């Protein structure tokens, strides 16, 4: 049965799916999620969504064709093996003159001192705070330390603000807001912070979902309730002395 065609585009007018979206649909029918497809082509999950909303993905059509053939004909299901197939058929974009196009990288800026910051709000958090993953990965590669600030409703925290069972245990690093939410920081240069490599492993174990990795740490260490939701997340890095 052919994939059901969606009739949508960025302007809201009716339109056909481009080939990248059609191939992504067929992979989803085979049991893969958009996040899986993103891992296969080594890109952010938001790009796969843009196959549908912004008609992107033309550069990945050859790779997606080969991956789909490997799934449907070859019976290959292992994500790393499919990613290796895709990598052999993914090529850099070219400009109108035929020159190789510049790579559009994420805004990951870590200074020579190791200082870097990334923030996400509600919408990005709902999709896993993907834009923070490169920052954490680069910090891990450079052997940096990191700290993070989260905002939750006050009832989401286990300990009262300023509690020494929480972090940092001093009220000046807690920001209380009029909407009954509270920001708390976990880790600092003074306390030593967290090993970026450890958090990078946590993010990888959560399939790249930074929100889930941070939330799991907060639950595991008894700082927030299991049903609490992160509303704001900020990650900071620095080089250990």
C-alpha atoms as a PDB file:
ATOM      1  CA  UNK A   1       0.000   0.000   0.000  1.00  0.00           C
ATOM      2  CA  UNK A   2       1.569   3.339  -1.001  1.00  0.00           C
ATOM      3  CA  UNK A   3       2.149   5.933   1.717  1.00  0.00           C
ATOM      4  CA  UNK A   4      -0.728   8.303   2.290  1.00  0.00           C
ATOM      5  CA  UNK A   5       0.113  11.682   0.856  1.00  0.00           C
ATOM      6  CA  UNK A   6      -0.046  14.719   3.061  1.00  0.00           C
ATOM      7  CA  UNK A   7      -1.202  17.971   1.574  1.00  0.00           C
ATOM      8  CA  UNK A   8       0.605  20.698   3.403  1.00  0.00           C
ATOM      9  CA  UNK A   9       3.452  23.102   3.030  1.00  0.00           C
ATOM     10  CA  UNK A  10       4.893  26.089   4.801  1.00  0.00           C
ATOM     11  CA  UNK A  11       2.427  28.560   3.307  1.00  0.00           C
ATOM     12  CA  UNK A  12      -0.558  26.403   4.204  1.00  0.00           C
ATOM     13  CA  UNK A  13      -1.471  25.746   0.562  1.00  0.00           C
ATOM     14  CA  UNK A  14      -2.065  22.243  -0.733  1.00  0.00           C
ATOM     15  CA  UNK A  15       0.929  20.497  -2.218  1.00  0.00           C
ATOM     16  CA  UNK A  16       2.589  17.165  -2.794  1.00  0.00           C
ATOM     17  CA  UNK A  17       5.270  15.700  -0.578  1.00  0.00           C
ATOM     18  CA  UNK A  18       8.773  15.983  -1.980  1.00  0.00           C
ATOM     19  CA  UNK A  19      10.753  12.796  -2.580  1.00  0.00           C
ATOM     20  CA  UNK A  20      12.687  13.040   0.694  1.00  0.00           C
ATOM     21  CA  UNK A  21       9.423  13.180   2.645  1.00  0.00           C
ATOM     22  CA  UNK A  22       7.965  10.292   0.632  1.00  0.00           C
ATOM     23  CA  UNK A  23      11.003   8.154   1.389  1.00  0.00           C
ATOM     24  CA  UNK A  24      10.843   9.165   5.053  1.00  0.00           C
ATOM     25  CA  UNK A  25       7.172   8.133   5.103  1.00  0.00           C
ATOM     26  CA  UNK A  26       8.035   4.704   3.732  1.00  0.00           C
ATOM     27  CA  UNK A  27      10.744   4.256   6.349  1.00  0.00           C
ATOM     28  CA  UNK A  28       8.239   5.210   9.043  1.00  0.00           C
ATOM     29  CA  UNK A  29       5.817   2.619   7.652  1.00  0.00           C
ATOM     30  CA  UNK A  30       8.662   0.122   8.039  1.00  0.00           C
ATOM     31  CA  UNK A  31       8.803   0.966  11.746  1.00  0.00           C
ATOM     32  CA  UNK A  32      11.390   3.735  11.976  1.00  0.00           C
ATOM     33  CA  UNK A  33      10.715   7.053  13.714  1.00  0.00           C
ATOM     34  CA  UNK A  34      11.792  10.477  12.495  1.00  0.00           C
ATOM     35  CA  UNK A  35      14.461  10.397  15.198  1.00  0.00           C
ATOM     36  CA  UNK A  36      15.728   7.073  13.794  1.00  0.00           C
ATOM     37  CA  UNK A  37      15.838   8.532  10.291  1.00  0.00           C
ATOM     38  CA  UNK A  38      17.797  11.527  11.614  1.00  0.00           C
ATOM     39  CA  UNK A  39      20.328   9.176  13.203  1.00  0.00           C
ATOM     40  CA  UNK A  40      20.624   7.234   9.953  1.00  0.00           C
ATOM     41  CA  UNK A  41      21.476  10.363   7.942  1.00  0.00           C
ATOM     42  CA  UNK A  42      23.485  11.856  10.835  1.00  0.00           C
ATOM     43  CA  UNK A  43      21.410  14.992  11.113  1.00  0.00           C
ATOM     44  CA  UNK A  44      19.138  16.675  13.660  1.00  0.00           C
ATOM     45  CA  UNK A  45      15.531  15.328  13.902  1.00  0.00           C
ATOM     46  CA  UNK A  46      14.247  18.814  13.109  1.00  0.00           C
ATOM     47  CA  UNK A  47      15.661  18.482   9.589  1.00  0.00           C
ATOM     48  CA  UNK A  48      13.533  15.399   8.949  1.00  0.00           C
ATOM     49  CA  UNK A  49      10.458  17.373  10.006  1.00  0.00           C
ATOM     50  CA  UNK A  50      11.486  20.061   7.519  1.00  0.00           C
ATOM     51  CA  UNK A  51      11.207  17.493   4.712  1.00  0.00           C
ATOM     52  CA  UNK A  52       7.464  18.000   5.229  1.00  0.00           C
ATOM     53  CA  UNK A  53       7.175  21.613   6.336  1.00  0.00           C
ATOM     54  CA  UNK A  54       9.866  23.326   4.242  1.00  0.00           C
ATOM     55  CA  UNK A  55      10.401  20.803   1.427  1.00  0.00           C
ATOM     56  CA  UNK A  56      14.023  20.232   2.396  1.00  0.00           C
ATOM     57  CA  UNK A  57      16.008  17.012   2.063  1.00  0.00           C
ATOM     58  CA  UNK A  58      16.874  16.849  -1.657  1.00  0.00           C
ATOM     59  CA  UNK A  59      20.528  16.221  -0.817  1.00  0.00           C
ATOM     60  CA  UNK A  60      19.567  13.116   1.166  1.00  0.00           C
ATOM     61  CA  UNK A  61      17.361  11.467  -1.466  1.00  0.00           C
ATOM     62  CA  UNK A  62      20.122   9.158  -2.840  1.00  0.00           C
ATOM     63  CA  UNK A  63      21.020   8.042   0.685  1.00  0.00           C
ATOM     64  CA  UNK A  64      17.378   7.511   1.678  1.00  0.00           C
ATOM     65  CA  UNK A  65      16.762   5.467  -1.476  1.00  0.00           C
ATOM     66  CA  UNK A  66      19.660   3.168  -0.640  1.00  0.00           C
ATOM     67  CA  UNK A  67      18.566   2.870   3.000  1.00  0.00           C
ATOM     68  CA  UNK A  68      15.012   2.025   1.980  1.00  0.00           C
ATOM     69  CA  UNK A  69      16.270  -0.608  -0.456  1.00  0.00           C
ATOM     70  CA  UNK A  70      18.446  -2.094   2.283  1.00  0.00           C
ATOM     71  CA  UNK A  71      15.417  -2.308   4.588  1.00  0.00           C
ATOM     72  CA  UNK A  72      12.845  -3.563   2.089  1.00  0.00           C
ATOM     73  CA  UNK A  73      15.034  -5.805  -0.047  1.00  0.00           C
ATOM     74  CA  UNK A  74      18.093  -6.602   2.035  1.00  0.00           C
ATOM     75  CA  UNK A  75      16.301  -7.031   5.355  1.00  0.00           C
ATOM     76  CA  UNK A  76      18.807  -4.792   7.138  1.00  0.00           C
ATOM     77  CA  UNK A  77      17.365  -3.274  10.318  1.00  0.00           C
ATOM     78  CA  UNK A  78      20.408  -2.252  12.392  1.00  0.00           C
ATOM     79  CA  UNK A  79      20.627   1.554  12.687  1.00  0.00           C
ATOM     80  CA  UNK A  80      24.452   1.792  12.632  1.00  0.00           C
ATOM     81  CA  UNK A  81      24.558  -0.409   9.518  1.00  0.00           C
ATOM     82  CA  UNK A  82      21.888   1.717   7.825  1.00  0.00           C
ATOM     83  CA  UNK A  83      23.800   4.857   8.843  1.00  0.00           C
ATOM     84  CA  UNK A  84      26.943   3.461   7.200  1.00  0.00           C
ATOM     85  CA  UNK A  85      24.974   2.864   3.994  1.00  0.00           C
ATOM     86  CA  UNK A  86      23.569   6.403   4.094  1.00  0.00           C
ATOM     87  CA  UNK A  87      27.011   7.915   4.699  1.00  0.00           C
ATOM     88  CA  UNK A  88      28.311   6.408   1.453  1.00  0.00           C
ATOM     89  CA  UNK A  89      25.560   8.179  -0.498  1.00  0.00           C
ATOM     90  CA  UNK A  90      25.460  11.549   1.275  1.00  0.00           C
ATOM     91  CA  UNK A  91      27.311  14.279  -0.580  1.00  0.00           C
ATOM     92  CA  UNK A  92      27.972  17.938   0.140  1.00  0.00           C
ATOM     93  CA  UNK A  93      25.677  20.497  -1.491  1.00  0.00           C
ATOM     94  CA  UNK A  94      27.037  22.661  -4.308  1.00  0.00           C
ATOM     95  CA  UNK A  95      26.428  26.290  -5.203  1.00  0.00           C
ATOM     96  CA  UNK A  96      25.056  27.487  -8.562  1.00  0.00           C
ATOM     97  CA  UNK A  97      28.641  27.746  -9.812  1.00  0.00           C
ATOM     98  CA  UNK A  98      29.373  24.148  -8.867  1.00  0.00           C
ATOM     99  CA  UNK A  99      31.548  24.932  -5.860  1.00  0.00           C
ATOM    100  CA  UNK A 100      31.052  23.047  -2.594  1.00  0.00           C
ATOM    101  CA  UNK A 101      28.588  24.885  -0.377  1.00  0.00           C
ATOM    102  CA  UNK A 102      29.555  25.946   3.101  1.00  0.00           C
ATOM    103  CA  UNK A 103      28.301  23.705   5.879  1.00  0.00           C
ATOM    104  CA  UNK A 104      25.576  25.320   7.963  1.00  0.00           C
ATOM    105  CA  UNK A 105      26.679  24.400  11.454  1.00  0.00           C
ATOM    106  CA  UNK A 106      24.881  24.863  14.739  1.00  0.00           C
ATOM    107  CA  UNK A 107      25.685  27.862  16.887  1.00  0.00           C
ATOM    108  CA  UNK A 108      28.215  26.075  19.089  1.00  0.00           C
ATOM    109  CA  UNK A 109      30.771  28.549  20.357  1.00  0.00           C
ATOM    110  CA  UNK A 110      33.240  27.469  22.994  1.00  0.00           C
ATOM    111  CA  UNK A 111      36.017  29.949  23.680  1.00  0.00           C
ATOM    112  CA  UNK A 112      39.678  28.969  24.228  1.00  0.00           C
ATOM    113  CA  UNK A 113      39.002  29.183  27.976  1.00  0.00           C
ATOM    114  CA  UNK A 114      36.249  26.592  27.590  1.00  0.00           C
ATOM    115  CA  UNK A 115      33.406  29.025  28.169  1.00  0.00           C
ATOM    116  CA  UNK A 116      30.214  28.187  26.302  1.00  0.00           C
ATOM    117  CA  UNK A 117      26.485  28.658  26.892  1.00  0.00           C
ATOM    118  CA  UNK A 118      23.323  27.272  25.350  1.00  0.00           C
ATOM    119  CA  UNK A 119      19.702  27.968  26.270  1.00  0.00           C
ATOM    120  CA  UNK A 120      16.388  26.480  25.175  1.00  0.00           C
ATOM    121  CA  UNK A 121      12.763  27.272  25.933  1.00  0.00           C
ATOM    122  CA  UNK A 122       9.519  25.346  26.061  1.00  0.00           C
ATOM    123  CA  UNK A 123       9.216  24.493  22.363  1.00  0.00           C
ATOM    124  CA  UNK A 124      12.786  23.234  22.018  1.00  0.00           C
ATOM    125  CA  UNK A 125      12.546  21.326  25.296  1.00  0.00           C
ATOM    126  CA  UNK A 126       9.479  19.472  24.030  1.00  0.00           C
ATOM    127  CA  UNK A 127      11.551  18.173  21.101  1.00  0.00           C
ATOM    128  CA  UNK A 128      14.496  17.131  23.251  1.00  0.00           C
ATOM    129  CA  UNK A 129      16.602  20.321  23.380  1.00  0.00           C
ATOM    130  CA  UNK A 130      18.487  19.042  20.324  1.00  0.00           C
ATOM    131  CA  UNK A 131      20.365  22.308  19.805  1.00  0.00           C
ATOM    132  CA  UNK A 132      22.210  21.732  23.104  1.00  0.00           C
ATOM    133  CA  UNK A 133      23.565  18.326  22.092  1.00  0.00           C
ATOM    134  CA  UNK A 134      26.469  19.670  19.961  1.00  0.00           C
ATOM    135  CA  UNK A 135      27.512  21.955  22.812  1.00  0.00           C
ATOM    136  CA  UNK A 136      27.631  19.038  25.262  1.00  0.00           C
ATOM    137  CA  UNK A 137      29.402  16.797  22.735  1.00  0.00           C
ATOM    138  CA  UNK A 138      32.055  19.433  22.038  1.00  0.00           C
ATOM    139  CA  UNK A 139      32.520  20.058  25.764  1.00  0.00           C
ATOM    140  CA  UNK A 140      33.033  16.317  26.274  1.00  0.00           C
ATOM    141  CA  UNK A 141      35.556  16.220  23.417  1.00  0.00           C
ATOM    142  CA  UNK A 142      37.510  19.090  24.989  1.00  0.00           C
ATOM    143  CA  UNK A 143      37.407  17.604  28.497  1.00  0.00           C
ATOM    144  CA  UNK A 144      35.378  20.480  29.949  1.00  0.00           C
ATOM    145  CA  UNK A 145      33.147  20.772  32.987  1.00  0.00           C
ATOM    146  CA  UNK A 146      29.549  21.872  32.771  1.00  0.00           C
ATOM    147  CA  UNK A 147      26.679  23.174  34.844  1.00  0.00           C
ATOM    148  CA  UNK A 148      23.038  23.655  34.009  1.00  0.00           C
ATOM    149  CA  UNK A 149      20.070  25.700  35.152  1.00  0.00           C
ATOM    150  CA  UNK A 150      16.527  24.379  35.008  1.00  0.00           C
ATOM    151  CA  UNK A 151      13.173  26.058  35.545  1.00  0.00           C
ATOM    152  CA  UNK A 152      10.283  24.044  36.971  1.00  0.00           C
ATOM    153  CA  UNK A 153       7.100  24.789  38.833  1.00  0.00           C
ATOM    154  CA  UNK A 154       7.937  25.114  42.540  1.00  0.00           C
ATOM    155  CA  UNK A 155       6.016  21.932  43.333  1.00  0.00           C
ATOM    156  CA  UNK A 156       8.225  19.990  40.918  1.00  0.00           C
ATOM    157  CA  UNK A 157      11.236  20.200  43.232  1.00  0.00           C
ATOM    158  CA  UNK A 158      11.688  17.750  46.091  1.00  0.00           C
ATOM    159  CA  UNK A 159      13.625  20.105  48.375  1.00  0.00           C
ATOM    160  CA  UNK A 160      12.715  23.685  49.332  1.00  0.00           C
ATOM    161  CA  UNK A 161      14.759  26.479  47.811  1.00  0.00           C
ATOM    162  CA  UNK A 162      18.062  27.021  49.576  1.00  0.00           C
ATOM    163  CA  UNK A 163      18.129  23.476  50.956  1.00  0.00           C
ATOM    164  CA  UNK A 164      21.626  22.059  51.321  1.00  0.00           C
ATOM    165  CA  UNK A 165      20.291  18.706  50.114  1.00  0.00           C
ATOM    166  CA  UNK A 166      19.777  20.369  46.757  1.00  0.00           C
ATOM    167  CA  UNK A 167      22.302  22.248  44.656  1.00  0.00           C
ATOM    168  CA  UNK A 168      23.855  24.696  45.221  1.00  0.00           C
ATOM    169  CA  UNK A 169      22.345  24.878  48.700  1.00  0.00           C
ATOM    170  CA  UNK A 170      22.425  28.664  48.865  1.00  0.00           C
ATOM    171  CA  UNK A 171      19.450  30.849  48.109  1.00  0.00           C
ATOM    172  CA  UNK A 172      21.272  33.360  45.923  1.00  0.00           C
ATOM    173  CA  UNK A 173      21.519  30.768  43.111  1.00  0.00           C
ATOM    174  CA  UNK A 174      17.745  30.250  43.111  1.00  0.00           C
ATOM    175  CA  UNK A 175      15.489  32.544  41.058  1.00  0.00           C
ATOM    176  CA  UNK A 176      11.823  32.604  42.029  1.00  0.00           C
ATOM    177  CA  UNK A 177       9.332  33.924  39.470  1.00  0.00           C
ATOM    178  CA  UNK A 178       5.852  35.388  39.695  1.00  0.00           C
ATOM    179  CA  UNK A 179       4.353  32.528  37.662  1.00  0.00           C
ATOM    180  CA  UNK A 180       5.107  30.073  40.521  1.00  0.00           C
ATOM    181  CA  UNK A 181       8.137  28.642  38.751  1.00  0.00           C
ATOM    182  CA  UNK A 182      11.666  28.540  40.084  1.00  0.00           C
ATOM    183  CA  UNK A 183      15.095  28.398  38.453  1.00  0.00           C
ATOM    184  CA  UNK A 184      17.852  26.426  40.135  1.00  0.00           C
ATOM    185  CA  UNK A 185      21.463  25.972  39.092  1.00  0.00           C
ATOM    186  CA  UNK A 186      23.303  22.675  39.415  1.00  0.00           C
ATOM    187  CA  UNK A 187      27.067  22.907  39.359  1.00  0.00           C
ATOM    188  CA  UNK A 188      29.504  25.827  39.136  1.00  0.00           C
ATOM    189  CA  UNK A 189      33.196  26.541  38.743  1.00  0.00           C
ATOM    190  CA  UNK A 190      33.379  26.945  42.520  1.00  0.00           C
ATOM    191  CA  UNK A 191      31.872  23.515  43.248  1.00  0.00           C
ATOM    192  CA  UNK A 192      33.590  21.757  40.349  1.00  0.00           C
ATOM    193  CA  UNK A 193      30.520  21.206  38.229  1.00  0.00           C
ATOM    194  CA  UNK A 194      29.838  18.047  36.253  1.00  0.00           C
ATOM    195  CA  UNK A 195      31.959  16.029  33.861  1.00  0.00           C
ATOM    196  CA  UNK A 196      30.817  16.929  30.343  1.00  0.00           C
ATOM    197  CA  UNK A 197      31.828  13.475  29.084  1.00  0.00           C
ATOM    198  CA  UNK A 198      29.508  11.831  31.607  1.00  0.00           C
ATOM    199  CA  UNK A 199      26.588  13.999  30.506  1.00  0.00           C
ATOM    200  CA  UNK A 200      27.404  13.355  26.845  1.00  0.00           C
ATOM    201  CA  UNK A 201      27.100   9.622  27.560  1.00  0.00           C
ATOM    202  CA  UNK A 202      23.779  10.237  29.272  1.00  0.00           C
ATOM    203  CA  UNK A 203      22.526  12.169  26.242  1.00  0.00           C
ATOM    204  CA  UNK A 204      23.642   9.387  23.906  1.00  0.00           C
ATOM    205  CA  UNK A 205      21.864   6.814  26.097  1.00  0.00           C
ATOM    206  CA  UNK A 206      18.704   8.944  25.789  1.00  0.00           C
ATOM    207  CA  UNK A 207      18.949   8.798  21.965  1.00  0.00           C
ATOM    208  CA  UNK A 208      20.142  12.408  21.819  1.00  0.00           C
ATOM    209  CA  UNK A 209      17.347  13.807  24.003  1.00  0.00           C
ATOM    210  CA  UNK A 210      19.110  16.370  26.210  1.00  0.00           C
ATOM    211  CA  UNK A 211      15.908  17.200  28.111  1.00  0.00           C
ATOM    212  CA  UNK A 212      15.377  13.551  29.032  1.00  0.00           C
ATOM    213  CA  UNK A 213      19.011  13.114  30.090  1.00  0.00           C
ATOM    214  CA  UNK A 214      18.975  16.137  32.411  1.00  0.00           C
ATOM    215  CA  UNK A 215      15.564  15.224  33.796  1.00  0.00           C
ATOM    216  CA  UNK A 216      16.710  11.643  34.470  1.00  0.00           C
ATOM    217  CA  UNK A 217      19.718  12.932  36.414  1.00  0.00           C
ATOM    218  CA  UNK A 218      17.506  15.206  38.498  1.00  0.00           C
ATOM    219  CA  UNK A 219      15.127  12.343  39.274  1.00  0.00           C
ATOM    220  CA  UNK A 220      17.922   9.852  40.015  1.00  0.00           C
ATOM    221  CA  UNK A 221      19.581  12.245  42.458  1.00  0.00           C
ATOM    222  CA  UNK A 222      16.297  12.967  44.233  1.00  0.00           C
ATOM    223  CA  UNK A 223      16.045  16.618  43.264  1.00  0.00           C
ATOM    224  CA  UNK A 224      12.761  16.656  41.344  1.00  0.00           C
ATOM    225  CA  UNK A 225       9.603  14.560  41.352  1.00  0.00           C
ATOM    226  CA  UNK A 226       9.237  11.934  38.581  1.00  0.00           C
ATOM    227  CA  UNK A 227       6.233  13.746  37.081  1.00  0.00           C
ATOM    228  CA  UNK A 228       7.934  17.167  36.976  1.00  0.00           C
ATOM    229  CA  UNK A 229       8.484  18.876  33.626  1.00  0.00           C
ATOM    230  CA  UNK A 230      11.422  21.115  32.697  1.00  0.00           C
ATOM    231  CA  UNK A 231      10.268  24.489  31.331  1.00  0.00           C
ATOM    232  CA  UNK A 232      13.646  26.102  30.659  1.00  0.00           C
ATOM    233  CA  UNK A 233      17.139  24.686  30.356  1.00  0.00           C
ATOM    234  CA  UNK A 234      20.530  26.349  30.154  1.00  0.00           C
ATOM    235  CA  UNK A 235      23.928  24.630  29.869  1.00  0.00           C
ATOM    236  CA  UNK A 236      27.239  26.340  30.669  1.00  0.00           C
ATOM    237  CA  UNK A 237      30.766  24.993  30.174  1.00  0.00           C
ATOM    238  CA  UNK A 238      34.257  25.901  31.326  1.00  0.00           C
ATOM    239  CA  UNK A 239      37.757  24.448  31.381  1.00  0.00           C
ATOM    240  CA  UNK A 240      38.784  22.866  34.705  1.00  0.00           C
ATOM    241  CA  UNK A 241      41.758  24.404  36.457  1.00  0.00           C
END
